[in-house]
Amino acid sequence: MTQQTIPEIRAIICKRDVELGIECLGSLKRFSADPVRIVLHDDGSISKDERARLEEGLPGAVLISREEADDVMNPLLKATPRTLAFRERSPMGRKLVDVGIFSKGDIILCDTDVLFFRPFKGAFSWPNETIKTVHVLDVADSFCLKPWQTGPLHLLHRFNAGFMMIRKELFDMDLMERTVRLIEDNPGYIENKPYQWFLEQTCWASVAGEHPAMMWAGNQLRVISKNDRYSTDLVGGHFVGNVRHMLAQFRDQARVTGVEHTEPVTIEFERTRPYSTTAFIANRLSNRIRYALAS
């Protein structure tokens, strides 16, 4: 990793997800054969009690308070008003810019709902020197713009920022400001209000789409779909809101198989595809057919 010997895995943490974060980030630290350091960014809801619980449940983790982050970020963001406004209204805005500023080396993001099931290695090593970003495979294209609305932005198909790596050199506050402005001023963004939640992910995907990128192998690491099934090949899964209830089921099934006591498996990488109308429509049709057959 650039400028760091032990990768720093960063996550936004809120009061509601303290126990979830302890379980999921704890599983990452437990099962990663490569040493990692957990760094948490408080969204502003963490009290003394939650801080104590995090210190107990994730020993060695660093917690950056909202006040500490604001002292650093607010002066920097005076020149980037759209990014500042996004950061002030949403924790996702903090995820977009705080992690980049505070990261000492390459940026690694892992949401508090990514659970790991078995020992692994190699996930935080770049597949080669030319690759600039690595991401986890999403179920669908979860962006705030359809592929025919992206204009000058180039996104990656089924990109998910819940678990990703990006070279530190790619992070640039002026670039983030231009990207946020381009997206928020786009008529597609304005019209698609339900999808505005994906602004942060769309920004990261646009950065990734401009450079050589790969994703972790989907059979090992992926966003879990509502019709997904546990397999012993699965190293970790991102349990987003609508499948959060499946987390315990997958965890228990993994324990029954005994994979937690096996030797670390090496994480593999796969090629990415551009976010295109063809890929978007094909994926939507495939998901609808799969869901219909499973129901």
Protein backbone atom coordinates (compact mmCIF):
# COMPACT_ATOMS: atom_id res chain seq x y z
CA MET A 1 0.00 0.00 0.00
CA THR A 2 1.16 3.54 -0.68
CA GLN A 3 2.81 5.19 2.32
CA GLN A 4 1.48 2.70 4.84
CA THR A 5 2.52 -0.71 6.05
CA ILE A 6 -0.73 -1.60 7.82
CA PRO A 7 -3.87 -0.80 5.80
CA GLU A 8 -6.33 1.53 7.52
CA ILE A 9 -9.91 0.39 6.99
CA ARG A 10 -12.27 3.34 7.42
CA ALA A 11 -15.99 3.39 8.16
CA ILE A 12 -18.66 5.92 9.07
CA ILE A 13 -20.26 4.89 12.38
CA CYS A 14 -23.56 6.00 13.91
CA LYS A 15 -25.30 5.26 17.21
CA ARG A 16 -27.83 2.95 15.56
CA ASP A 17 -25.14 0.72 14.04
CA VAL A 18 -22.66 0.41 16.90
CA GLU A 19 -23.37 -3.27 17.57
CA LEU A 20 -23.57 -4.05 13.86
CA GLY A 21 -20.24 -2.33 13.31
CA ILE A 22 -18.63 -4.23 16.15
CA GLU A 23 -19.75 -7.53 14.67
CA CYS A 24 -18.91 -6.76 11.05
CA LEU A 25 -15.68 -4.81 11.43
CA GLY A 26 -14.67 -7.24 14.13
CA SER A 27 -15.10 -10.08 11.63
CA LEU A 28 -12.90 -8.23 9.14
CA LYS A 29 -10.11 -7.86 11.68
CA ARG A 30 -10.53 -11.43 12.90
CA PHE A 31 -10.48 -13.11 9.50
CA SER A 32 -7.96 -10.94 7.63
CA ALA A 33 -4.65 -12.78 7.67
CA ASP A 34 -3.07 -9.45 6.72
CA PRO A 35 -2.87 -6.97 9.62
CA VAL A 36 -5.37 -4.11 9.42
CA ARG A 37 -6.23 -1.07 11.51
CA ILE A 38 -9.85 0.03 11.94
CA VAL A 39 -10.56 3.79 11.85
CA LEU A 40 -14.10 4.96 12.60
CA HIS A 41 -15.58 8.32 11.67
CA ASP A 42 -18.35 9.46 14.03
CA ASP A 43 -21.38 10.85 12.17
CA GLY A 44 -22.15 12.99 15.22
CA SER A 45 -24.43 10.59 17.10
CA ILE A 46 -21.78 8.73 19.10
CA SER A 47 -22.01 9.52 22.83
CA LYS A 48 -19.59 8.61 25.62
CA ASP A 49 -21.48 5.36 26.15
CA GLU A 50 -21.18 4.35 22.49
CA ARG A 51 -17.52 5.32 22.46
CA ALA A 52 -16.89 3.09 25.46
CA ARG A 53 -18.77 0.24 23.78
CA LEU A 54 -16.70 0.63 20.62
CA GLU A 55 -13.48 0.65 22.61
CA GLU A 56 -14.59 -2.56 24.29
CA GLY A 57 -15.92 -4.29 21.18
CA LEU A 58 -13.23 -3.16 18.73
CA PRO A 59 -10.03 -2.91 20.77
CA GLY A 60 -7.35 -0.91 19.00
CA ALA A 61 -9.79 0.89 16.71
CA VAL A 62 -9.44 4.65 16.34
CA LEU A 63 -12.55 6.84 16.60
CA ILE A 64 -12.47 10.30 15.00
CA SER A 65 -15.16 12.47 16.56
CA ARG A 66 -17.37 14.75 14.52
CA GLU A 67 -15.87 17.77 16.29
CA GLU A 68 -12.34 16.66 15.49
CA ALA A 69 -13.26 16.08 11.85
CA ASP A 70 -15.08 19.41 11.57
CA ASP A 71 -12.05 21.29 12.87
CA VAL A 72 -10.04 19.88 9.98
CA MET A 73 -12.66 19.78 7.25
CA ASN A 74 -14.58 23.04 7.60
CA PRO A 75 -11.64 25.32 6.69
CA LEU A 76 -10.75 23.05 3.76
CA LEU A 77 -14.30 23.02 2.40
CA LYS A 78 -14.77 26.79 2.26
CA ALA A 79 -13.65 26.69 -1.36
CA THR A 80 -15.98 23.78 -2.20
CA PRO A 81 -19.50 24.89 -1.24
CA ARG A 82 -21.44 22.09 -2.92
CA THR A 83 -19.33 19.42 -1.24
CA LEU A 84 -19.64 21.26 2.06
CA ALA A 85 -23.44 21.33 1.76
CA PHE A 86 -23.50 17.60 0.96
CA ARG A 87 -21.30 16.85 3.96
CA GLU A 88 -23.49 18.94 6.27
CA ARG A 89 -26.76 17.27 5.26
CA SER A 90 -25.62 13.64 5.03
CA PRO A 91 -23.13 11.21 6.61
CA MET A 92 -22.50 10.03 3.05
CA GLY A 93 -20.96 13.42 2.36
CA ARG A 94 -18.56 12.78 5.22
CA LYS A 95 -17.76 9.39 3.76
CA LEU A 96 -17.00 11.03 0.43
CA VAL A 97 -14.49 13.61 1.65
CA ASP A 98 -13.40 12.97 5.25
CA VAL A 99 -11.87 9.57 4.55
CA GLY A 100 -9.82 11.00 1.71
CA ILE A 101 -8.43 13.85 3.79
CA PHE A 102 -7.74 11.77 6.90
CA SER A 103 -6.27 8.72 5.12
CA LYS A 104 -2.51 8.62 5.45
CA GLY A 105 -2.15 6.30 2.47
CA ASP A 106 -4.43 4.60 -0.01
CA ILE A 107 -8.11 4.90 0.86
CA ILE A 108 -9.98 1.77 1.97
CA LEU A 109 -13.66 2.02 2.82
CA CYS A 110 -15.72 -0.70 4.48
CA ASP A 111 -19.28 -0.07 5.62
CA THR A 112 -20.47 -1.33 8.99
CA ASP A 113 -22.77 -3.89 7.32
CA VAL A 114 -20.06 -5.90 5.53
CA LEU A 115 -19.68 -9.25 7.32
CA PHE A 116 -16.81 -11.70 6.79
CA PHE A 117 -17.14 -15.45 7.27
CA ARG A 118 -13.75 -17.08 6.82
CA PRO A 119 -10.00 -16.35 6.90
CA PHE A 120 -8.68 -14.54 3.81
CA LYS A 121 -5.59 -12.78 2.52
CA GLY A 122 -4.58 -10.49 -0.30
CA ALA A 123 -7.70 -8.33 -0.41
CA PHE A 124 -5.79 -5.15 0.42
CA SER A 125 -2.90 -5.66 -1.98
CA TRP A 126 -3.23 -4.10 -5.42
CA PRO A 127 -3.47 -6.70 -8.21
CA ASN A 128 -0.84 -4.73 -10.16
CA GLU A 129 0.67 -1.25 -10.30
CA THR A 130 -1.66 0.02 -13.03
CA ILE A 131 -4.92 -0.60 -11.13
CA LYS A 132 -6.18 2.51 -9.36
CA THR A 133 -9.44 1.33 -7.74
CA VAL A 134 -10.96 -1.94 -6.53
CA HIS A 135 -14.58 -2.36 -5.53
CA VAL A 136 -17.11 -4.95 -4.42
CA LEU A 137 -19.74 -6.18 -6.91
CA ASP A 138 -23.23 -4.75 -6.47
CA VAL A 139 -26.51 -6.50 -7.29
CA ALA A 140 -27.56 -3.68 -9.60
CA ASP A 141 -26.48 -0.23 -10.74
CA SER A 142 -27.25 1.85 -7.65
CA PHE A 143 -26.55 5.34 -8.93
CA CYS A 144 -28.50 8.59 -8.97
CA LEU A 145 -28.20 8.83 -12.76
CA LYS A 146 -29.28 6.42 -15.50
CA PRO A 147 -26.54 5.57 -18.03
CA TRP A 148 -28.04 7.89 -20.66
CA GLN A 149 -27.96 10.79 -18.16
CA THR A 150 -24.31 10.68 -17.10
CA GLY A 151 -23.01 13.24 -19.60
CA PRO A 152 -19.22 13.63 -19.22
CA LEU A 153 -19.04 11.22 -16.27
CA HIS A 154 -17.84 7.65 -16.84
CA LEU A 155 -19.11 5.17 -14.24
CA LEU A 156 -18.50 1.46 -13.67
CA HIS A 157 -21.23 -1.17 -13.98
CA ARG A 158 -22.47 -2.55 -10.62
CA PHE A 159 -19.94 -0.49 -8.69
CA ASN A 160 -20.47 -0.49 -4.92
CA ALA A 161 -18.62 1.86 -2.56
CA GLY A 162 -19.57 -0.07 0.57
CA PHE A 163 -16.24 -1.88 0.29
CA MET A 164 -13.62 -0.33 -1.97
CA MET A 165 -10.01 0.78 -2.36
CA ILE A 166 -8.79 3.86 -4.20
CA ARG A 167 -5.30 5.18 -4.65
CA LYS A 168 -4.67 8.21 -2.50
CA GLU A 169 -3.34 10.10 -5.52
CA LEU A 170 -6.80 10.05 -7.13
CA PHE A 171 -8.47 11.90 -4.28
CA ASP A 172 -8.82 15.59 -5.03
CA MET A 173 -11.20 18.04 -3.35
CA ASP A 174 -11.61 20.16 -6.48
CA LEU A 175 -12.49 17.02 -8.44
CA MET A 176 -15.09 16.03 -5.85
CA GLU A 177 -16.59 19.53 -5.97
CA ARG A 178 -16.86 19.42 -9.77
CA THR A 179 -18.36 15.94 -9.65
CA VAL A 180 -20.96 16.82 -7.00
CA ARG A 181 -21.90 19.93 -8.96
CA LEU A 182 -22.21 18.04 -12.26
CA ILE A 183 -24.47 15.42 -10.68
CA GLU A 184 -26.65 17.76 -8.61
CA ASP A 185 -27.22 20.08 -11.57
CA ASN A 186 -28.15 17.17 -13.83
CA PRO A 187 -31.92 17.06 -14.60
CA GLY A 188 -31.82 13.29 -14.10
CA TYR A 189 -30.63 13.73 -10.52
CA ILE A 190 -33.21 16.39 -9.80
CA GLU A 191 -36.05 14.23 -11.18
CA ASN A 192 -34.99 10.96 -9.54
CA LYS A 193 -35.39 11.97 -5.90
CA PRO A 194 -35.49 8.37 -4.57
CA TYR A 195 -32.04 7.80 -6.04
CA GLN A 196 -30.39 10.91 -4.60
CA TRP A 197 -29.24 8.74 -1.68
CA PHE A 198 -26.65 7.29 -4.09
CA LEU A 199 -24.82 10.58 -4.68
CA GLU A 200 -21.72 9.48 -2.76
CA GLN A 201 -21.53 6.15 -4.57
CA THR A 202 -22.04 7.84 -7.94
CA CYS A 203 -19.14 10.20 -7.20
CA TRP A 204 -16.78 7.36 -6.31
CA ALA A 205 -17.91 5.38 -9.38
CA SER A 206 -17.14 8.37 -11.61
CA VAL A 207 -13.60 8.57 -10.22
CA ALA A 208 -13.12 4.83 -10.65
CA GLY A 209 -14.47 4.96 -14.20
CA GLU A 210 -11.69 7.28 -15.33
CA HIS A 211 -8.86 4.91 -14.38
CA PRO A 212 -7.88 1.23 -14.66
CA ALA A 213 -10.05 -0.62 -12.16
CA MET A 214 -10.86 -4.13 -10.99
CA MET A 215 -13.29 -5.68 -8.54
CA TRP A 216 -12.93 -8.44 -6.00
CA ALA A 217 -14.15 -11.78 -7.34
CA GLY A 218 -17.94 -11.91 -7.01
CA ASN A 219 -18.02 -15.46 -5.72
CA GLN A 220 -15.85 -14.33 -2.77
CA LEU A 221 -17.01 -10.78 -2.05
CA ARG A 222 -20.30 -9.21 -3.17
CA VAL A 223 -23.40 -7.29 -2.21
CA ILE A 224 -25.96 -9.85 -1.06
CA SER A 225 -29.23 -9.99 -2.99
CA LYS A 226 -32.59 -10.94 -1.51
CA ASN A 227 -32.49 -14.31 -3.32
CA ASP A 228 -28.83 -14.98 -2.57
CA ARG A 229 -27.67 -18.23 -1.01
CA TYR A 230 -24.72 -18.86 1.26
CA SER A 231 -21.78 -20.74 -0.24
CA THR A 232 -18.51 -21.76 1.34
CA ASP A 233 -16.76 -19.78 -1.42
CA LEU A 234 -18.19 -16.60 0.08
CA VAL A 235 -15.59 -14.71 2.11
CA GLY A 236 -17.66 -11.62 2.87
CA GLY A 237 -20.98 -10.04 2.01
CA HIS A 238 -22.37 -6.53 2.05
CA PHE A 239 -25.80 -6.72 3.70
CA VAL A 240 -27.49 -3.50 2.60
CA GLY A 241 -30.74 -2.38 4.22
CA ASN A 242 -33.27 -4.55 2.40
CA VAL A 243 -31.31 -7.76 3.14
CA ARG A 244 -29.99 -6.86 6.58
CA HIS A 245 -32.23 -9.55 8.09
CA MET A 246 -30.26 -12.19 6.16
CA LEU A 247 -26.97 -11.40 7.91
CA ALA A 248 -27.56 -13.67 10.90
CA GLN A 249 -28.70 -16.50 8.64
CA PHE A 250 -25.51 -16.36 6.53
CA ARG A 251 -23.35 -16.02 9.64
CA ASP A 252 -24.91 -19.08 11.28
CA GLN A 253 -24.68 -21.15 8.11
CA ALA A 254 -21.01 -20.29 7.76
CA ARG A 255 -20.34 -21.36 11.34
CA VAL A 256 -21.99 -24.73 10.74
CA THR A 257 -19.67 -25.41 7.80
CA GLY A 258 -16.58 -24.74 9.91
CA VAL A 259 -14.98 -22.41 7.32
CA GLU A 260 -13.91 -20.04 10.10
CA HIS A 261 -11.28 -22.60 11.11
CA THR A 262 -9.80 -23.13 7.61
CA GLU A 263 -6.60 -21.73 6.15
CA PRO A 264 -6.87 -18.23 4.63
CA VAL A 265 -8.07 -18.17 1.03
CA THR A 266 -6.47 -15.74 -1.40
CA ILE A 267 -8.83 -13.08 -2.68
CA GLU A 268 -9.00 -12.95 -6.46
CA PHE A 269 -9.80 -10.05 -8.76
CA GLU A 270 -12.00 -9.68 -11.82
CA ARG A 271 -12.32 -7.18 -14.64
CA THR A 272 -14.88 -4.40 -14.48
CA ARG A 273 -17.31 -3.17 -17.13
CA PRO A 274 -18.41 0.37 -17.99
CA TYR A 275 -21.85 1.58 -16.93
CA SER A 276 -23.78 1.50 -20.19
CA THR A 277 -27.39 1.38 -21.31
CA THR A 278 -26.92 -2.17 -22.59
CA ALA A 279 -25.39 -3.40 -19.33
CA PHE A 280 -28.00 -1.54 -17.27
CA ILE A 281 -30.98 -3.03 -19.13
CA ALA A 282 -29.50 -6.54 -19.26
CA ASN A 283 -28.86 -6.51 -15.52
CA ARG A 284 -32.36 -5.23 -14.73
CA LEU A 285 -33.94 -7.97 -16.85
CA SER A 286 -31.70 -10.65 -15.36
CA ASN A 287 -32.58 -9.62 -11.80
CA ARG A 288 -36.31 -9.55 -12.54
CA ILE A 289 -36.21 -13.02 -14.08
CA ARG A 290 -34.17 -14.41 -11.17
CA TYR A 291 -36.50 -12.90 -8.60
CA ALA A 292 -39.56 -14.21 -10.44
CA LEU A 293 -38.16 -17.75 -10.59
CA ALA A 294 -37.28 -17.66 -6.88
CA SER A 295 -40.72 -16.46 -5.77
